[in-house]
Amino acid sequence: MIQTRLIVNIPDERFRTVNGIVPKTGDLVTIDQGFTFHDGKAGCLVHFVNSDGSFEYEAEVYESELGQNE
């Protein structure tokens, strides 16, 4: 399981939330799978799970929107 932090806010159209929690800069997310966006840039699907293990959101992010792996 690879984790990293978001270094930017993710636009509304690129995430799905479960309980109203939205992605924010600094969130520790888990990388799921990589893909290529329509513009040809590298991206990946990430998930945010809170401290009690509840799934809160998934987001499609550009690799450039992620920090170093933790």
C-alpha atoms as a PDB file:
ATOM      1  CA  MET A   1       0.000   0.000   0.000  1.00  0.00           C
ATOM      2  CA  ILE A   2       1.614   3.226  -1.200  1.00  0.00           C
ATOM      3  CA  GLN A   3       0.597   6.432   0.542  1.00  0.00           C
ATOM      4  CA  THR A   4       1.305  10.033  -0.343  1.00  0.00           C
ATOM      5  CA  ARG A   5      -0.067  13.492   0.407  1.00  0.00           C
ATOM      6  CA  LEU A   6      -2.134  15.738  -1.813  1.00  0.00           C
ATOM      7  CA  ILE A   7      -0.228  18.925  -2.554  1.00  0.00           C
ATOM      8  CA  VAL A   8      -3.171  20.760  -4.178  1.00  0.00           C
ATOM      9  CA  ASN A   9      -6.946  20.877  -3.841  1.00  0.00           C
ATOM     10  CA  ILE A  10      -8.739  18.565  -6.277  1.00  0.00           C
ATOM     11  CA  PRO A  11     -11.538  20.017  -8.452  1.00  0.00           C
ATOM     12  CA  ASP A  12     -15.086  18.829  -7.659  1.00  0.00           C
ATOM     13  CA  GLU A  13     -15.469  16.966 -10.948  1.00  0.00           C
ATOM     14  CA  ARG A  14     -12.534  14.659 -10.141  1.00  0.00           C
ATOM     15  CA  PHE A  15     -13.624  13.166  -6.809  1.00  0.00           C
ATOM     16  CA  ARG A  16     -16.498  11.213  -5.281  1.00  0.00           C
ATOM     17  CA  THR A  17     -17.260  11.559  -1.585  1.00  0.00           C
ATOM     18  CA  VAL A  18     -19.136   9.237   0.753  1.00  0.00           C
ATOM     19  CA  ASN A  19     -19.905  11.426   3.780  1.00  0.00           C
ATOM     20  CA  GLY A  20     -19.344  14.927   2.428  1.00  0.00           C
ATOM     21  CA  ILE A  21     -15.596  14.907   3.163  1.00  0.00           C
ATOM     22  CA  VAL A  22     -13.759  16.629   0.305  1.00  0.00           C
ATOM     23  CA  PRO A  23     -10.086  16.338  -0.666  1.00  0.00           C
ATOM     24  CA  LYS A  24      -7.818  19.010   0.744  1.00  0.00           C
ATOM     25  CA  THR A  25      -4.147  19.825   0.544  1.00  0.00           C
ATOM     26  CA  GLY A  26      -2.175  17.672   2.985  1.00  0.00           C
ATOM     27  CA  ASP A  27      -4.537  14.679   3.043  1.00  0.00           C
ATOM     28  CA  LEU A  28      -2.715  11.348   3.289  1.00  0.00           C
ATOM     29  CA  VAL A  29      -4.130   9.198   0.482  1.00  0.00           C
ATOM     30  CA  THR A  30      -3.545   5.659  -0.758  1.00  0.00           C
ATOM     31  CA  ILE A  31      -2.666   5.172  -4.423  1.00  0.00           C
ATOM     32  CA  ASP A  32      -4.848   2.577  -6.128  1.00  0.00           C
ATOM     33  CA  GLN A  33      -4.152   2.443  -9.872  1.00  0.00           C
ATOM     34  CA  GLY A  34      -2.474   4.526 -12.517  1.00  0.00           C
ATOM     35  CA  PHE A  35      -3.934   5.731 -15.813  1.00  0.00           C
ATOM     36  CA  THR A  36      -3.507   8.408 -18.446  1.00  0.00           C
ATOM     37  CA  PHE A  37      -5.809  11.440 -18.514  1.00  0.00           C
ATOM     38  CA  HIS A  38      -7.391  12.530 -21.821  1.00  0.00           C
ATOM     39  CA  ASP A  39      -4.726  15.233 -22.120  1.00  0.00           C
ATOM     40  CA  GLY A  40      -1.992  12.539 -22.123  1.00  0.00           C
ATOM     41  CA  LYS A  41      -0.688  13.320 -18.615  1.00  0.00           C
ATOM     42  CA  ALA A  42      -0.106  10.617 -15.996  1.00  0.00           C
ATOM     43  CA  GLY A  43      -2.713  10.222 -13.282  1.00  0.00           C
ATOM     44  CA  CYS A  44      -3.920   7.790 -10.656  1.00  0.00           C
ATOM     45  CA  LEU A  45      -6.923   6.912  -8.560  1.00  0.00           C
ATOM     46  CA  VAL A  46      -6.434   7.602  -4.861  1.00  0.00           C
ATOM     47  CA  HIS A  47      -8.523   6.827  -1.767  1.00  0.00           C
ATOM     48  CA  PHE A  48      -8.784   8.650   1.539  1.00  0.00           C
ATOM     49  CA  VAL A  49      -9.518   6.544   4.615  1.00  0.00           C
ATOM     50  CA  ASN A  50      -9.896   8.302   7.964  1.00  0.00           C
ATOM     51  CA  SER A  51      -8.234   7.242  11.217  1.00  0.00           C
ATOM     52  CA  ASP A  52     -11.019   4.816  12.157  1.00  0.00           C
ATOM     53  CA  GLY A  53     -10.722   3.026   8.800  1.00  0.00           C
ATOM     54  CA  SER A  54     -13.822   4.532   7.158  1.00  0.00           C
ATOM     55  CA  PHE A  55     -13.638   5.208   3.420  1.00  0.00           C
ATOM     56  CA  GLU A  56     -14.309   8.928   2.817  1.00  0.00           C
ATOM     57  CA  TYR A  57     -13.531   9.694  -0.842  1.00  0.00           C
ATOM     58  CA  GLU A  58     -11.805   8.608  -4.016  1.00  0.00           C
ATOM     59  CA  ALA A  59     -10.238  11.022  -6.463  1.00  0.00           C
ATOM     60  CA  GLU A  60      -8.646  11.049  -9.895  1.00  0.00           C
ATOM     61  CA  VAL A  61      -5.433  13.037  -9.561  1.00  0.00           C
ATOM     62  CA  TYR A  62      -2.519  14.019 -11.745  1.00  0.00           C
ATOM     63  CA  GLU A  63       0.768  12.596 -10.504  1.00  0.00           C
ATOM     64  CA  SER A  64       1.981  16.198 -10.251  1.00  0.00           C
ATOM     65  CA  GLU A  65      -0.706  16.812  -7.592  1.00  0.00           C
ATOM     66  CA  LEU A  66       0.899  14.285  -5.241  1.00  0.00           C
ATOM     67  CA  GLY A  67       3.875  14.640  -2.897  1.00  0.00           C
ATOM     68  CA  GLN A  68       6.583  12.107  -2.156  1.00  0.00           C
ATOM     69  CA  ASN A  69       5.501   8.583  -1.173  1.00  0.00           C
ATOM     70  CA  GLU A  70       5.376   8.017   2.578  1.00  0.00           C
END
